[in-house]
C-alpha atoms as a PDB file:
ATOM      1  CA  MET A   1     -15.981   7.428  -1.309  1.00  0.00           C
ATOM      2  CA  THR A   2     -15.443   4.042   0.621  1.00  0.00           C
ATOM      3  CA  PHE A   3     -12.004   2.160  -0.470  1.00  0.00           C
ATOM      4  CA  SER A   4     -11.092  -1.427  -0.586  1.00  0.00           C
ATOM      5  CA  ILE A   5      -7.437  -2.303   0.735  1.00  0.00           C
ATOM      6  CA  GLU A   6      -5.208  -4.746  -0.781  1.00  0.00           C
ATOM      7  CA  TRP A   7      -2.168  -5.895   1.332  1.00  0.00           C
ATOM      8  CA  ASP A   8       1.032  -7.000  -0.455  1.00  0.00           C
ATOM      9  CA  GLU A   9       2.295 -10.412   0.628  1.00  0.00           C
ATOM     10  CA  LYS A  10       5.421  -8.849   2.338  1.00  0.00           C
ATOM     11  CA  VAL A  11       3.268  -6.613   4.536  1.00  0.00           C
ATOM     12  CA  LEU A  12       1.226  -9.472   5.580  1.00  0.00           C
ATOM     13  CA  ASN A  13       4.226 -11.387   6.538  1.00  0.00           C
ATOM     14  CA  PHE A  14       5.709  -8.420   8.339  1.00  0.00           C
ATOM     15  CA  LEU A  15       2.585  -8.012  10.550  1.00  0.00           C
ATOM     16  CA  ARG A  16       2.740 -11.867  11.551  1.00  0.00           C
ATOM     17  CA  LYS A  17       5.959 -11.240  12.748  1.00  0.00           C
ATOM     18  CA  LEU A  18       4.981  -8.444  15.226  1.00  0.00           C
ATOM     19  CA  PRO A  19       3.298  -8.855  18.599  1.00  0.00           C
ATOM     20  CA  LYS A  20      -0.281  -9.462  18.199  1.00  0.00           C
ATOM     21  CA  ASN A  21      -1.333  -6.093  20.068  1.00  0.00           C
ATOM     22  CA  ILE A  22       0.737  -3.852  17.606  1.00  0.00           C
ATOM     23  CA  SER A  23      -0.191  -6.007  14.185  1.00  0.00           C
ATOM     24  CA  GLU A  24      -3.992  -5.698  15.433  1.00  0.00           C
ATOM     25  CA  ARG A  25      -3.520  -1.944  15.784  1.00  0.00           C
ATOM     26  CA  ILE A  26      -1.740  -1.506  12.538  1.00  0.00           C
ATOM     27  CA  PHE A  27      -4.531  -3.591  10.790  1.00  0.00           C
ATOM     28  CA  ASN A  28      -7.310  -1.843  12.631  1.00  0.00           C
ATOM     29  CA  LYS A  29      -5.750   1.714  11.795  1.00  0.00           C
ATOM     30  CA  ILE A  30      -5.454   1.063   8.246  1.00  0.00           C
ATOM     31  CA  GLU A  31      -8.899  -0.591   7.726  1.00  0.00           C
ATOM     32  CA  SER A  32     -10.316   2.527   9.517  1.00  0.00           C
ATOM     33  CA  ILE A  33      -9.162   4.902   6.677  1.00  0.00           C
ATOM     34  CA  LYS A  34     -11.215   3.092   4.067  1.00  0.00           C
ATOM     35  CA  GLU A  35     -13.881   5.778   4.468  1.00  0.00           C
ATOM     36  CA  ASN A  36     -11.812   9.008   4.073  1.00  0.00           C
ATOM     37  CA  PRO A  37      -8.459   8.079   3.539  1.00  0.00           C
ATOM     38  CA  PHE A  38      -7.140  11.395   2.291  1.00  0.00           C
ATOM     39  CA  HIS A  39      -7.899  12.922   5.744  1.00  0.00           C
ATOM     40  CA  PHE A  40      -4.935  10.444   7.283  1.00  0.00           C
ATOM     41  CA  LEU A  41      -2.798  10.251   4.301  1.00  0.00           C
ATOM     42  CA  GLU A  42       0.272  12.235   3.447  1.00  0.00           C
ATOM     43  CA  HIS A  43       1.746  12.317  -0.114  1.00  0.00           C
ATOM     44  CA  TYR A  44       5.315  10.721  -0.362  1.00  0.00           C
ATOM     45  CA  GLU A  45       7.552  10.546  -3.175  1.00  0.00           C
ATOM     46  CA  GLY A  46       7.078   8.294  -5.890  1.00  0.00           C
ATOM     47  CA  GLY A  47       3.321   8.472  -6.009  1.00  0.00           C
ATOM     48  CA  TYR A  48       3.113   6.625  -2.689  1.00  0.00           C
ATOM     49  CA  TYR A  49       1.193   8.107   0.477  1.00  0.00           C
ATOM     50  CA  LYS A  50       2.268   7.402   3.701  1.00  0.00           C
ATOM     51  CA  LEU A  51       0.417   6.576   6.862  1.00  0.00           C
ATOM     52  CA  ARG A  52       1.576   7.206  10.300  1.00  0.00           C
ATOM     53  CA  ILE A  53       0.844   4.283  12.842  1.00  0.00           C
ATOM     54  CA  GLY A  54       2.760   5.110  16.051  1.00  0.00           C
ATOM     55  CA  ASP A  55       6.431   4.235  15.394  1.00  0.00           C
ATOM     56  CA  TYR A  56       5.600   2.391  12.143  1.00  0.00           C
ATOM     57  CA  ARG A  57       4.689   3.861   8.554  1.00  0.00           C
ATOM     58  CA  ALA A  58       2.761   2.388   5.705  1.00  0.00           C
ATOM     59  CA  LEU A  59       3.213   3.311   2.247  1.00  0.00           C
ATOM     60  CA  ILE A  60       0.338   2.946   0.074  1.00  0.00           C
ATOM     61  CA  ASP A  61      -0.362   3.010  -3.578  1.00  0.00           C
ATOM     62  CA  ILE A  62      -3.758   4.369  -4.586  1.00  0.00           C
ATOM     63  CA  ASP A  63      -5.970   3.028  -7.531  1.00  0.00           C
ATOM     64  CA  PHE A  64      -8.189   5.851  -7.914  1.00  0.00           C
ATOM     65  CA  GLU A  65     -10.273   4.411 -11.010  1.00  0.00           C
ATOM     66  CA  ASN A  66     -10.927   1.138  -8.957  1.00  0.00           C
ATOM     67  CA  LYS A  67     -11.089   2.800  -5.305  1.00  0.00           C
ATOM     68  CA  ILE A  68      -8.277   0.387  -4.039  1.00  0.00           C
ATOM     69  CA  LEU A  69      -5.680   1.393  -1.320  1.00  0.00           C
ATOM     70  CA  ILE A  70      -2.654  -1.165  -1.869  1.00  0.00           C
ATOM     71  CA  VAL A  71      -0.561  -1.349   1.341  1.00  0.00           C
ATOM     72  CA  GLN A  72       3.033  -1.933  -0.594  1.00  0.00           C
ATOM     73  CA  VAL A  73       5.384  -1.429   2.242  1.00  0.00           C
ATOM     74  CA  LEU A  74       5.109  -1.388   6.112  1.00  0.00           C
ATOM     75  CA  ASP A  75       8.120  -0.844   8.476  1.00  0.00           C
ATOM     76  CA  LYS A  76       9.583   0.981  11.478  1.00  0.00           C
ATOM     77  CA  ILE A  77      10.115   4.837  10.750  1.00  0.00           C
ATOM     78  CA  GLY A  78      13.905   4.597  10.901  1.00  0.00           C
ATOM     79  CA  ARG A  79      13.974   1.787   8.675  1.00  0.00           C
ATOM     80  CA  ILE A  80      11.228   2.733   6.050  1.00  0.00           C
ATOM     81  CA  TYR A  81      12.760   5.907   4.704  1.00  0.00           C
ATOM     82  CA  LYS A  82      16.096   4.273   3.827  1.00  0.00           C
ATOM     83  CA  ARG A  83      14.501   2.009   1.096  1.00  0.00           C
END
């Protein structure tokens, strides 16, 4: 049950601004969940799923029909839940 991943442009811009080692860690973690995403994802309000990556959280929308994980929001813990 392999999913593909799409990145929102705002998320990519956020990753570019982070230190390289942190952005690589986040990118690699999100890429690693393609095989079995529901082992790592927790349901979050509004139809999103959240992924914990150290001090960061990613909010992911899922297109079940086309098997696509869409990374919509990425931010630090304190800021992401205020959105």
